[in-house]
Amino acid sequence: MFHRSPLVGLTLLAPLAAKCCSQSVSLLQTLTDPIPRGVHVGPTRIPCVVHQTWQTHQLSDQQKRCVNTWKSKNPECEHRLWNDTEIAALCQEKSPGLIWPIWDGLSPVQRADVFRYLVLWDQGGYYADIDVRCHRPVADFPVPKDVNMIVGYEAGRRLEEAVREKVDFSRVEQFENWFLASAPGNPVLLRTLEIIRQKFLWKVQKTIDFTGPGTLSDAVHEFLANSSEEHGIPAEISRRTGQYAGKLSFPSESTYQFGEWKAFLFASGRVSTGGYASGDDPAENVLEHMFSGTWKRGAAVIGSTHLMLVSK
């Protein structure tokens, strides 16, 4: 059983568990030639389906090129493109007690953030932003076949607080949310949704900290702390007081297990451009974020900033 705080468990988990567990889907998202049942590639517990979302089903040429990399490299997988109407319907049907009550208070970007956590919690599969290119088939992702979650670091080392502020991260050890993979029912994603609901009531409005990588990182780090006592409070104290200050608390390219759930942590070099990686990250990335979005301050220059600050 995934551990959560008593407050969140009592106030937020019950409505979602009671009202958000139906597995039926009656939406109109576009599918590309569904593959006959029985064909599966990639980690055995993660469904072979790629979820993406945009405002409408009409994509720009650049977006189509990115989307086609997922289709062409993963012909065995279903591809589902969800528009704004469809993600709203999914939320209303699957999370009537937890997220739907705050839906009208979310911006379009925040709704897209919520969608990725909810659709993977409900259906499982792979999520990628519309401006992410797939460089390697999911069948060839360098991960163990028995993992049921994949998430990637956004930087190759733990950032100093001053650096974190300069590059506009929410956390010193941040996980990206432009790509995720999971089996259905992931407690980390449920926890992410719970925290979003709680932060809404706390009046948190900055997207990266409210629905974005900050909140996802909080939920992942909570899971990781539960997975290993040796990486708990004493280790965090040592990092805050100088010892091992720049090292990631949980090394990348590794699997961490708590209960039945096994999470594999991609190094930042696997899921990002070279400017995000540290010197010891793998040279080959499996996907690449093109950073087309402009909602995040400094998005156009953040990669080059990382090249100077992170690759020490």
C-alpha atoms as a PDB file:
ATOM      1  CA  MET A   1       0.000   0.000   0.000  1.00  0.00           C
ATOM      2  CA  PHE A   2       1.427   3.385  -0.955  1.00  0.00           C
ATOM      3  CA  HIS A   3       1.895   5.613   2.080  1.00  0.00           C
ATOM      4  CA  ARG A   4       0.331   9.072   2.059  1.00  0.00           C
ATOM      5  CA  SER A   5      -0.190  11.695   4.710  1.00  0.00           C
ATOM      6  CA  PRO A   6      -3.213  11.064   6.970  1.00  0.00           C
ATOM      7  CA  LEU A   7      -4.672  14.478   6.089  1.00  0.00           C
ATOM      8  CA  VAL A   8      -4.589  13.923   2.360  1.00  0.00           C
ATOM      9  CA  GLY A   9      -5.731  10.347   2.703  1.00  0.00           C
ATOM     10  CA  LEU A  10      -8.803  11.317   4.688  1.00  0.00           C
ATOM     11  CA  THR A  11      -9.860  14.410   2.788  1.00  0.00           C
ATOM     12  CA  LEU A  12      -8.943  13.645  -0.798  1.00  0.00           C
ATOM     13  CA  LEU A  13      -8.413   9.968  -1.465  1.00  0.00           C
ATOM     14  CA  ALA A  14     -11.908   8.798  -0.580  1.00  0.00           C
ATOM     15  CA  PRO A  15     -13.791  10.862  -3.188  1.00  0.00           C
ATOM     16  CA  LEU A  16     -11.501   9.747  -5.995  1.00  0.00           C
ATOM     17  CA  ALA A  17     -11.496   6.131  -4.932  1.00  0.00           C
ATOM     18  CA  ALA A  18     -15.279   6.102  -4.656  1.00  0.00           C
ATOM     19  CA  LYS A  19     -16.101   7.968  -7.848  1.00  0.00           C
ATOM     20  CA  CYS A  20     -13.116   7.623 -10.143  1.00  0.00           C
ATOM     21  CA  CYS A  21     -12.482   3.927 -10.671  1.00  0.00           C
ATOM     22  CA  SER A  22     -14.602   3.042 -13.692  1.00  0.00           C
ATOM     23  CA  GLN A  23     -12.496   1.672 -16.513  1.00  0.00           C
ATOM     24  CA  SER A  24     -15.016   2.298 -19.303  1.00  0.00           C
ATOM     25  CA  VAL A  25     -14.130   4.920 -21.891  1.00  0.00           C
ATOM     26  CA  SER A  26     -16.719   6.427 -24.227  1.00  0.00           C
ATOM     27  CA  LEU A  27     -14.736   9.277 -25.736  1.00  0.00           C
ATOM     28  CA  LEU A  28     -13.931  10.251 -29.300  1.00  0.00           C
ATOM     29  CA  GLN A  29     -10.143  10.666 -29.198  1.00  0.00           C
ATOM     30  CA  THR A  30      -8.477   9.766 -32.471  1.00  0.00           C
ATOM     31  CA  LEU A  31      -6.885   6.347 -32.772  1.00  0.00           C
ATOM     32  CA  THR A  32      -4.443   5.152 -35.403  1.00  0.00           C
ATOM     33  CA  ASP A  33      -5.273   1.638 -36.571  1.00  0.00           C
ATOM     34  CA  PRO A  34      -5.589  -0.214 -33.246  1.00  0.00           C
ATOM     35  CA  ILE A  35      -3.348  -3.275 -33.119  1.00  0.00           C
ATOM     36  CA  PRO A  36      -4.975  -6.678 -32.502  1.00  0.00           C
ATOM     37  CA  ARG A  37      -4.989  -7.710 -28.849  1.00  0.00           C
ATOM     38  CA  GLY A  38      -2.034  -9.842 -27.812  1.00  0.00           C
ATOM     39  CA  VAL A  39       0.625  -7.712 -29.522  1.00  0.00           C
ATOM     40  CA  HIS A  40       2.729  -5.897 -26.944  1.00  0.00           C
ATOM     41  CA  VAL A  41       6.125  -4.223 -26.854  1.00  0.00           C
ATOM     42  CA  GLY A  42       8.075  -2.522 -24.092  1.00  0.00           C
ATOM     43  CA  PRO A  43       7.782  -3.196 -20.344  1.00  0.00           C
ATOM     44  CA  THR A  44       5.171  -5.902 -19.897  1.00  0.00           C
ATOM     45  CA  ARG A  45       3.122  -4.041 -17.275  1.00  0.00           C
ATOM     46  CA  ILE A  46       2.809  -0.793 -19.241  1.00  0.00           C
ATOM     47  CA  PRO A  47       0.081  -0.807 -21.918  1.00  0.00           C
ATOM     48  CA  CYS A  48       1.308  -0.287 -25.461  1.00  0.00           C
ATOM     49  CA  VAL A  49      -0.579   2.955 -26.079  1.00  0.00           C
ATOM     50  CA  VAL A  50       0.746   6.497 -26.571  1.00  0.00           C
ATOM     51  CA  HIS A  51      -1.373   9.379 -25.242  1.00  0.00           C
ATOM     52  CA  GLN A  52      -0.941  12.953 -26.471  1.00  0.00           C
ATOM     53  CA  THR A  53      -3.116  16.048 -26.279  1.00  0.00           C
ATOM     54  CA  TRP A  54      -3.689  19.320 -28.089  1.00  0.00           C
ATOM     55  CA  GLN A  55      -6.450  21.910 -28.216  1.00  0.00           C
ATOM     56  CA  THR A  56      -7.999  20.312 -31.301  1.00  0.00           C
ATOM     57  CA  HIS A  57      -7.251  17.400 -33.607  1.00  0.00           C
ATOM     58  CA  GLN A  58      -5.834  19.875 -36.131  1.00  0.00           C
ATOM     59  CA  LEU A  59      -2.058  19.984 -35.690  1.00  0.00           C
ATOM     60  CA  SER A  60       0.591  22.235 -37.170  1.00  0.00           C
ATOM     61  CA  ASP A  61       3.177  20.743 -39.504  1.00  0.00           C
ATOM     62  CA  GLN A  62       5.790  20.826 -36.757  1.00  0.00           C
ATOM     63  CA  GLN A  63       3.453  19.076 -34.326  1.00  0.00           C
ATOM     64  CA  LYS A  64       2.630  16.448 -36.933  1.00  0.00           C
ATOM     65  CA  ARG A  65       6.317  15.747 -37.441  1.00  0.00           C
ATOM     66  CA  CYS A  66       6.784  15.188 -33.717  1.00  0.00           C
ATOM     67  CA  VAL A  67       3.672  13.017 -33.429  1.00  0.00           C
ATOM     68  CA  ASN A  68       4.700  10.942 -36.425  1.00  0.00           C
ATOM     69  CA  THR A  69       7.939   9.961 -34.706  1.00  0.00           C
ATOM     70  CA  TRP A  70       5.866   8.159 -32.071  1.00  0.00           C
ATOM     71  CA  LYS A  71       3.674   6.491 -34.670  1.00  0.00           C
ATOM     72  CA  SER A  72       6.452   5.418 -37.020  1.00  0.00           C
ATOM     73  CA  LYS A  73       8.768   4.079 -34.336  1.00  0.00           C
ATOM     74  CA  ASN A  74       6.007   2.305 -32.415  1.00  0.00           C
ATOM     75  CA  PRO A  75       3.675   0.742 -35.013  1.00  0.00           C
ATOM     76  CA  GLU A  76       2.645  -1.948 -32.520  1.00  0.00           C
ATOM     77  CA  CYS A  77       1.184   0.657 -30.154  1.00  0.00           C
ATOM     78  CA  GLU A  78      -2.121   2.487 -30.317  1.00  0.00           C
ATOM     79  CA  HIS A  79      -1.849   6.254 -30.609  1.00  0.00           C
ATOM     80  CA  ARG A  80      -4.507   8.433 -28.983  1.00  0.00           C
ATOM     81  CA  LEU A  81      -4.712  12.170 -29.583  1.00  0.00           C
ATOM     82  CA  TRP A  82      -7.048  13.859 -27.109  1.00  0.00           C
ATOM     83  CA  ASN A  83      -8.499  17.341 -27.647  1.00  0.00           C
ATOM     84  CA  ASP A  84      -9.653  19.786 -24.973  1.00  0.00           C
ATOM     85  CA  THR A  85     -13.253  18.576 -25.034  1.00  0.00           C
ATOM     86  CA  GLU A  86     -12.187  14.971 -24.603  1.00  0.00           C
ATOM     87  CA  ILE A  87      -9.816  15.587 -21.705  1.00  0.00           C
ATOM     88  CA  ALA A  88     -12.588  17.489 -19.925  1.00  0.00           C
ATOM     89  CA  ALA A  89     -14.945  14.545 -20.452  1.00  0.00           C
ATOM     90  CA  LEU A  90     -12.304  12.157 -19.117  1.00  0.00           C
ATOM     91  CA  CYS A  91     -11.858  14.238 -15.987  1.00  0.00           C
ATOM     92  CA  GLN A  92     -15.587  14.560 -15.395  1.00  0.00           C
ATOM     93  CA  GLU A  93     -16.084  10.818 -15.781  1.00  0.00           C
ATOM     94  CA  LYS A  94     -13.006   9.527 -13.968  1.00  0.00           C
ATOM     95  CA  SER A  95     -12.405  12.154 -11.276  1.00  0.00           C
ATOM     96  CA  PRO A  96     -15.782  13.651 -10.382  1.00  0.00           C
ATOM     97  CA  GLY A  97     -14.923  14.110  -6.717  1.00  0.00           C
ATOM     98  CA  LEU A  98     -11.260  15.143  -6.765  1.00  0.00           C
ATOM     99  CA  ILE A  99     -10.283  17.128  -9.875  1.00  0.00           C
ATOM    100  CA  TRP A 100     -13.531  17.919 -11.688  1.00  0.00           C
ATOM    101  CA  PRO A 101     -14.739  20.310  -8.938  1.00  0.00           C
ATOM    102  CA  ILE A 102     -11.656  22.517  -9.548  1.00  0.00           C
ATOM    103  CA  TRP A 103     -11.584  22.136 -13.358  1.00  0.00           C
ATOM    104  CA  ASP A 104     -13.049  25.575 -14.090  1.00  0.00           C
ATOM    105  CA  GLY A 105     -10.276  27.128 -12.000  1.00  0.00           C
ATOM    106  CA  LEU A 106      -7.480  25.577 -14.072  1.00  0.00           C
ATOM    107  CA  SER A 107      -5.790  27.183 -17.068  1.00  0.00           C
ATOM    108  CA  PRO A 108      -5.469  25.205 -20.332  1.00  0.00           C
ATOM    109  CA  VAL A 109      -1.850  24.321 -19.523  1.00  0.00           C
ATOM    110  CA  GLN A 110      -2.818  23.187 -16.031  1.00  0.00           C
ATOM    111  CA  ARG A 111      -5.612  21.047 -17.454  1.00  0.00           C
ATOM    112  CA  ALA A 112      -3.115  19.416 -19.806  1.00  0.00           C
ATOM    113  CA  ASP A 113      -0.878  18.682 -16.823  1.00  0.00           C
ATOM    114  CA  VAL A 114      -3.752  17.086 -14.930  1.00  0.00           C
ATOM    115  CA  PHE A 115      -4.740  15.066 -17.991  1.00  0.00           C
ATOM    116  CA  ARG A 116      -1.401  13.265 -18.260  1.00  0.00           C
ATOM    117  CA  TYR A 117      -1.529  12.087 -14.658  1.00  0.00           C
ATOM    118  CA  LEU A 118      -5.187  11.107 -14.846  1.00  0.00           C
ATOM    119  CA  VAL A 119      -5.101   9.248 -18.160  1.00  0.00           C
ATOM    120  CA  LEU A 120      -2.074   7.196 -17.122  1.00  0.00           C
ATOM    121  CA  TRP A 121      -3.608   6.492 -13.724  1.00  0.00           C
ATOM    122  CA  ASP A 122      -6.832   5.394 -15.392  1.00  0.00           C
ATOM    123  CA  GLN A 123      -5.615   3.636 -18.545  1.00  0.00           C
ATOM    124  CA  GLY A 124      -1.833   3.386 -18.371  1.00  0.00           C
ATOM    125  CA  GLY A 125       0.539   3.723 -21.291  1.00  0.00           C
ATOM    126  CA  TYR A 126       2.989   6.377 -22.442  1.00  0.00           C
ATOM    127  CA  TYR A 127       2.381  10.115 -22.345  1.00  0.00           C
ATOM    128  CA  ALA A 128       4.390  12.623 -24.408  1.00  0.00           C
ATOM    129  CA  ASP A 129       3.883  16.333 -24.978  1.00  0.00           C
ATOM    130  CA  ILE A 130       2.929  17.257 -28.506  1.00  0.00           C
ATOM    131  CA  ASP A 131       6.416  18.754 -29.075  1.00  0.00           C
ATOM    132  CA  VAL A 132       8.376  15.664 -27.992  1.00  0.00           C
ATOM    133  CA  ARG A 133      10.172  13.552 -30.591  1.00  0.00           C
ATOM    134  CA  CYS A 134      10.628   9.821 -30.139  1.00  0.00           C
ATOM    135  CA  HIS A 135      14.147   8.740 -31.123  1.00  0.00           C
ATOM    136  CA  ARG A 136      13.956   5.102 -30.069  1.00  0.00           C
ATOM    137  CA  PRO A 137      11.065   2.603 -30.092  1.00  0.00           C
ATOM    138  CA  VAL A 138       9.582   1.917 -26.672  1.00  0.00           C
ATOM    139  CA  ALA A 139      10.401  -1.739 -27.331  1.00  0.00           C
ATOM    140  CA  ASP A 140      14.070  -0.760 -27.170  1.00  0.00           C
ATOM    141  CA  PHE A 141      13.934   1.572 -24.189  1.00  0.00           C
ATOM    142  CA  PRO A 142      16.823   0.577 -21.869  1.00  0.00           C
ATOM    143  CA  VAL A 143      14.597  -0.325 -18.920  1.00  0.00           C
ATOM    144  CA  PRO A 144      13.811  -3.606 -17.136  1.00  0.00           C
ATOM    145  CA  LYS A 145      10.765  -5.388 -18.520  1.00  0.00           C
ATOM    146  CA  ASP A 146       9.059  -5.628 -15.125  1.00  0.00           C
ATOM    147  CA  VAL A 147       8.917  -1.907 -14.262  1.00  0.00           C
ATOM    148  CA  ASN A 148       5.509  -0.275 -14.083  1.00  0.00           C
ATOM    149  CA  MET A 149       6.565   3.378 -14.100  1.00  0.00           C
ATOM    150  CA  ILE A 150       9.158   5.396 -16.032  1.00  0.00           C
ATOM    151  CA  VAL A 151      10.003   8.998 -15.202  1.00  0.00           C
ATOM    152  CA  GLY A 152      13.013  11.131 -16.083  1.00  0.00           C
ATOM    153  CA  TYR A 153      15.138  13.651 -14.251  1.00  0.00           C
ATOM    154  CA  GLU A 154      15.110  17.150 -15.709  1.00  0.00           C
ATOM    155  CA  ALA A 155      18.706  17.888 -14.682  1.00  0.00           C
ATOM    156  CA  GLY A 156      21.734  15.672 -14.219  1.00  0.00           C
ATOM    157  CA  ARG A 157      22.538  16.722 -10.680  1.00  0.00           C
ATOM    158  CA  ARG A 158      21.024  18.348  -7.630  1.00  0.00           C
ATOM    159  CA  LEU A 159      20.933  22.097  -8.197  1.00  0.00           C
ATOM    160  CA  GLU A 160      22.013  24.729  -5.732  1.00  0.00           C
ATOM    161  CA  GLU A 161      19.098  26.910  -4.663  1.00  0.00           C
ATOM    162  CA  ALA A 162      20.442  29.947  -6.523  1.00  0.00           C
ATOM    163  CA  VAL A 163      20.738  27.909  -9.714  1.00  0.00           C
ATOM    164  CA  ARG A 164      17.242  26.496  -9.260  1.00  0.00           C
ATOM    165  CA  GLU A 165      15.833  30.011  -9.099  1.00  0.00           C
ATOM    166  CA  LYS A 166      17.828  31.162 -12.123  1.00  0.00           C
ATOM    167  CA  VAL A 167      16.567  28.373 -14.377  1.00  0.00           C
ATOM    168  CA  ASP A 168      13.036  28.611 -12.945  1.00  0.00           C
ATOM    169  CA  PHE A 169      12.799  25.078 -11.598  1.00  0.00           C
ATOM    170  CA  SER A 170      10.414  24.255  -8.768  1.00  0.00           C
ATOM    171  CA  ARG A 171      12.673  21.671  -7.123  1.00  0.00           C
ATOM    172  CA  VAL A 172      16.420  21.187  -6.770  1.00  0.00           C
ATOM    173  CA  GLU A 173      15.970  17.564  -7.887  1.00  0.00           C
ATOM    174  CA  GLN A 174      13.187  17.923 -10.424  1.00  0.00           C
ATOM    175  CA  PHE A 175      11.496  15.326 -12.605  1.00  0.00           C
ATOM    176  CA  GLU A 176      10.222  16.387 -16.017  1.00  0.00           C
ATOM    177  CA  ASN A 177       6.599  15.833 -16.963  1.00  0.00           C
ATOM    178  CA  TRP A 178       6.769  16.073 -20.774  1.00  0.00           C
ATOM    179  CA  PHE A 179       7.164  12.270 -20.836  1.00  0.00           C
ATOM    180  CA  LEU A 180       5.799   9.652 -18.457  1.00  0.00           C
ATOM    181  CA  ALA A 181       4.982   5.969 -18.669  1.00  0.00           C
ATOM    182  CA  SER A 182       2.956   3.895 -16.257  1.00  0.00           C
ATOM    183  CA  ALA A 183       0.739   0.929 -15.648  1.00  0.00           C
ATOM    184  CA  PRO A 184      -2.856   1.781 -14.653  1.00  0.00           C
ATOM    185  CA  GLY A 185      -3.605   2.470 -11.006  1.00  0.00           C
ATOM    186  CA  ASN A 186      -0.241   4.045 -10.201  1.00  0.00           C
ATOM    187  CA  PRO A 187      -0.307   5.383  -6.606  1.00  0.00           C
ATOM    188  CA  VAL A 188       2.321   8.007  -7.469  1.00  0.00           C
ATOM    189  CA  LEU A 189       0.011   9.550 -10.059  1.00  0.00           C
ATOM    190  CA  LEU A 190      -2.946   9.381  -7.702  1.00  0.00           C
ATOM    191  CA  ARG A 191      -0.825  11.140  -5.100  1.00  0.00           C
ATOM    192  CA  THR A 192       0.062  13.798  -7.678  1.00  0.00           C
ATOM    193  CA  LEU A 193      -3.632  14.470  -8.274  1.00  0.00           C
ATOM    194  CA  GLU A 194      -4.262  14.648  -4.537  1.00  0.00           C
ATOM    195  CA  ILE A 195      -1.506  17.221  -4.090  1.00  0.00           C
ATOM    196  CA  ILE A 196      -2.890  19.315  -6.952  1.00  0.00           C
ATOM    197  CA  ARG A 197      -6.280  19.423  -5.248  1.00  0.00           C
ATOM    198  CA  GLN A 198      -4.631  20.395  -1.979  1.00  0.00           C
ATOM    199  CA  LYS A 199      -2.520  23.117  -3.609  1.00  0.00           C
ATOM    200  CA  PHE A 200      -5.633  24.544  -5.245  1.00  0.00           C
ATOM    201  CA  LEU A 201      -7.047  25.098  -1.764  1.00  0.00           C
ATOM    202  CA  TRP A 202      -3.693  26.540  -0.681  1.00  0.00           C
ATOM    203  CA  LYS A 203      -4.030  29.164  -3.463  1.00  0.00           C
ATOM    204  CA  VAL A 204      -0.897  27.984  -5.307  1.00  0.00           C
ATOM    205  CA  GLN A 205      -1.102  29.458  -8.817  1.00  0.00           C
ATOM    206  CA  LYS A 206       2.334  29.166 -10.446  1.00  0.00           C
ATOM    207  CA  THR A 207       1.869  26.379 -12.960  1.00  0.00           C
ATOM    208  CA  ILE A 208       5.205  24.593 -12.605  1.00  0.00           C
ATOM    209  CA  ASP A 209       4.652  24.329  -8.855  1.00  0.00           C
ATOM    210  CA  PHE A 210       0.878  23.796  -8.921  1.00  0.00           C
ATOM    211  CA  THR A 211       0.237  21.167 -11.591  1.00  0.00           C
ATOM    212  CA  GLY A 212       3.606  20.835 -13.293  1.00  0.00           C
ATOM    213  CA  PRO A 213       6.994  19.274 -12.526  1.00  0.00           C
ATOM    214  CA  GLY A 214       7.073  20.586  -8.961  1.00  0.00           C
ATOM    215  CA  THR A 215       4.065  18.594  -7.825  1.00  0.00           C
ATOM    216  CA  LEU A 216       5.007  15.514  -9.834  1.00  0.00           C
ATOM    217  CA  SER A 217       8.467  15.675  -8.256  1.00  0.00           C
ATOM    218  CA  ASP A 218       6.931  15.872  -4.787  1.00  0.00           C
ATOM    219  CA  ALA A 219       4.936  12.692  -5.369  1.00  0.00           C
ATOM    220  CA  VAL A 220       7.857  10.826  -6.953  1.00  0.00           C
ATOM    221  CA  HIS A 221      10.238  11.809  -4.158  1.00  0.00           C
ATOM    222  CA  GLU A 222       7.711  10.655  -1.575  1.00  0.00           C
ATOM    223  CA  PHE A 223       7.599   7.274  -3.306  1.00  0.00           C
ATOM    224  CA  LEU A 224      11.391   7.099  -3.531  1.00  0.00           C
ATOM    225  CA  ALA A 225      11.821   7.966   0.146  1.00  0.00           C
ATOM    226  CA  ASN A 226       9.456   5.129   1.027  1.00  0.00           C
ATOM    227  CA  SER A 227      11.437   2.772  -1.203  1.00  0.00           C
ATOM    228  CA  SER A 228      14.714   3.132   0.677  1.00  0.00           C
ATOM    229  CA  GLU A 229      15.366   3.991   4.318  1.00  0.00           C
ATOM    230  CA  GLU A 230      19.029   4.788   3.582  1.00  0.00           C
ATOM    231  CA  HIS A 231      17.968   7.694   1.359  1.00  0.00           C
ATOM    232  CA  GLY A 232      15.683   9.194   3.982  1.00  0.00           C
ATOM    233  CA  ILE A 233      16.129  12.021   6.478  1.00  0.00           C
ATOM    234  CA  PRO A 234      19.841  11.490   7.348  1.00  0.00           C
ATOM    235  CA  ALA A 235      20.829  11.520   3.673  1.00  0.00           C
ATOM    236  CA  GLU A 236      18.808  14.672   3.023  1.00  0.00           C
ATOM    237  CA  ILE A 237      20.455  16.407   5.980  1.00  0.00           C
ATOM    238  CA  SER A 238      23.880  15.603   4.548  1.00  0.00           C
ATOM    239  CA  ARG A 239      22.928  17.155   1.220  1.00  0.00           C
ATOM    240  CA  ARG A 240      21.532  20.297   2.795  1.00  0.00           C
ATOM    241  CA  THR A 241      24.625  20.782   4.950  1.00  0.00           C
ATOM    242  CA  GLY A 242      27.162  20.358   2.184  1.00  0.00           C
ATOM    243  CA  GLN A 243      28.123  16.687   1.993  1.00  0.00           C
ATOM    244  CA  TYR A 244      27.140  15.177  -1.369  1.00  0.00           C
ATOM    245  CA  ALA A 245      25.460  18.516  -2.090  1.00  0.00           C
ATOM    246  CA  GLY A 246      25.456  18.218  -5.869  1.00  0.00           C
ATOM    247  CA  LYS A 247      24.604  14.537  -6.175  1.00  0.00           C
ATOM    248  CA  LEU A 248      21.129  13.240  -6.901  1.00  0.00           C
ATOM    249  CA  SER A 249      19.533  11.573  -3.896  1.00  0.00           C
ATOM    250  CA  PHE A 250      18.441   8.656  -6.045  1.00  0.00           C
ATOM    251  CA  PRO A 251      20.862   7.826  -8.873  1.00  0.00           C
ATOM    252  CA  SER A 252      19.364   7.706 -12.343  1.00  0.00           C
ATOM    253  CA  GLU A 253      19.246   4.704 -14.657  1.00  0.00           C
ATOM    254  CA  SER A 254      18.075   2.662 -11.677  1.00  0.00           C
ATOM    255  CA  THR A 255      14.907   0.939 -10.467  1.00  0.00           C
ATOM    256  CA  TYR A 256      13.276   1.704  -7.116  1.00  0.00           C
ATOM    257  CA  GLN A 257      10.541  -0.449  -5.623  1.00  0.00           C
ATOM    258  CA  PHE A 258       7.924   0.114  -2.958  1.00  0.00           C
ATOM    259  CA  GLY A 259       5.292  -2.569  -2.592  1.00  0.00           C
ATOM    260  CA  GLU A 260       4.262  -3.847  -6.006  1.00  0.00           C
ATOM    261  CA  TRP A 261       5.421  -0.718  -7.821  1.00  0.00           C
ATOM    262  CA  LYS A 262       8.767  -0.424  -9.554  1.00  0.00           C
ATOM    263  CA  ALA A 263       9.832   2.967 -10.905  1.00  0.00           C
ATOM    264  CA  PHE A 264      12.728   3.381 -13.323  1.00  0.00           C
ATOM    265  CA  LEU A 265      14.438   6.776 -13.331  1.00  0.00           C
ATOM    266  CA  PHE A 266      15.732   7.905 -16.699  1.00  0.00           C
ATOM    267  CA  ALA A 267      18.799  10.121 -16.590  1.00  0.00           C
ATOM    268  CA  SER A 268      18.140  13.615 -17.881  1.00  0.00           C
ATOM    269  CA  GLY A 269      20.277  12.796 -20.903  1.00  0.00           C
ATOM    270  CA  ARG A 270      17.762  10.132 -21.934  1.00  0.00           C
ATOM    271  CA  VAL A 271      14.777  12.455 -22.071  1.00  0.00           C
ATOM    272  CA  SER A 272      16.172  15.863 -22.859  1.00  0.00           C
ATOM    273  CA  THR A 273      18.583  17.907 -24.898  1.00  0.00           C
ATOM    274  CA  GLY A 274      22.278  17.759 -24.126  1.00  0.00           C
ATOM    275  CA  GLY A 275      22.231  21.001 -22.173  1.00  0.00           C
ATOM    276  CA  TYR A 276      20.234  19.404 -19.391  1.00  0.00           C
ATOM    277  CA  ALA A 277      22.481  16.409 -18.812  1.00  0.00           C
ATOM    278  CA  SER A 278      25.455  16.006 -16.528  1.00  0.00           C
ATOM    279  CA  GLY A 279      28.775  14.737 -17.769  1.00  0.00           C
ATOM    280  CA  ASP A 280      28.120  11.161 -16.664  1.00  0.00           C
ATOM    281  CA  ASP A 281      24.648  10.882 -18.199  1.00  0.00           C
ATOM    282  CA  PRO A 282      24.146   8.424 -21.078  1.00  0.00           C
ATOM    283  CA  ALA A 283      25.054   9.948 -24.417  1.00  0.00           C
ATOM    284  CA  GLU A 284      22.026   8.560 -26.265  1.00  0.00           C
ATOM    285  CA  ASN A 285      18.597  10.014 -25.620  1.00  0.00           C
ATOM    286  CA  VAL A 286      15.454   8.009 -26.315  1.00  0.00           C
ATOM    287  CA  LEU A 287      13.317  11.098 -26.837  1.00  0.00           C
ATOM    288  CA  GLU A 288      13.774  14.834 -27.165  1.00  0.00           C
ATOM    289  CA  HIS A 289      11.687  17.736 -25.947  1.00  0.00           C
ATOM    290  CA  MET A 290      11.656  20.532 -28.518  1.00  0.00           C
ATOM    291  CA  PHE A 291      10.485  23.146 -25.962  1.00  0.00           C
ATOM    292  CA  SER A 292       7.906  24.718 -28.250  1.00  0.00           C
ATOM    293  CA  GLY A 293       5.864  26.001 -25.314  1.00  0.00           C
ATOM    294  CA  THR A 294       6.283  29.637 -24.344  1.00  0.00           C
ATOM    295  CA  TRP A 295       4.297  29.692 -21.092  1.00  0.00           C
ATOM    296  CA  LYS A 296       7.359  29.000 -18.946  1.00  0.00           C
ATOM    297  CA  ARG A 297       9.580  32.011 -18.320  1.00  0.00           C
ATOM    298  CA  GLY A 298      12.914  31.655 -20.079  1.00  0.00           C
ATOM    299  CA  ALA A 299      11.893  28.538 -21.974  1.00  0.00           C
ATOM    300  CA  ALA A 300      13.790  29.620 -25.086  1.00  0.00           C
ATOM    301  CA  VAL A 301      17.112  30.009 -23.307  1.00  0.00           C
ATOM    302  CA  ILE A 302      16.883  27.583 -20.444  1.00  0.00           C
ATOM    303  CA  GLY A 303      18.666  24.824 -22.322  1.00  0.00           C
ATOM    304  CA  SER A 304      21.785  26.899 -22.906  1.00  0.00           C
ATOM    305  CA  THR A 305      21.676  28.055 -19.299  1.00  0.00           C
ATOM    306  CA  HIS A 306      21.709  24.444 -18.174  1.00  0.00           C
ATOM    307  CA  LEU A 307      24.659  23.718 -20.399  1.00  0.00           C
ATOM    308  CA  MET A 308      26.714  26.122 -18.316  1.00  0.00           C
ATOM    309  CA  LEU A 309      25.257  25.345 -14.913  1.00  0.00           C
ATOM    310  CA  VAL A 310      24.544  21.641 -14.869  1.00  0.00           C
ATOM    311  CA  SER A 311      27.189  19.917 -16.919  1.00  0.00           C
ATOM    312  CA  LYS A 312      29.951  20.385 -14.366  1.00  0.00           C
END
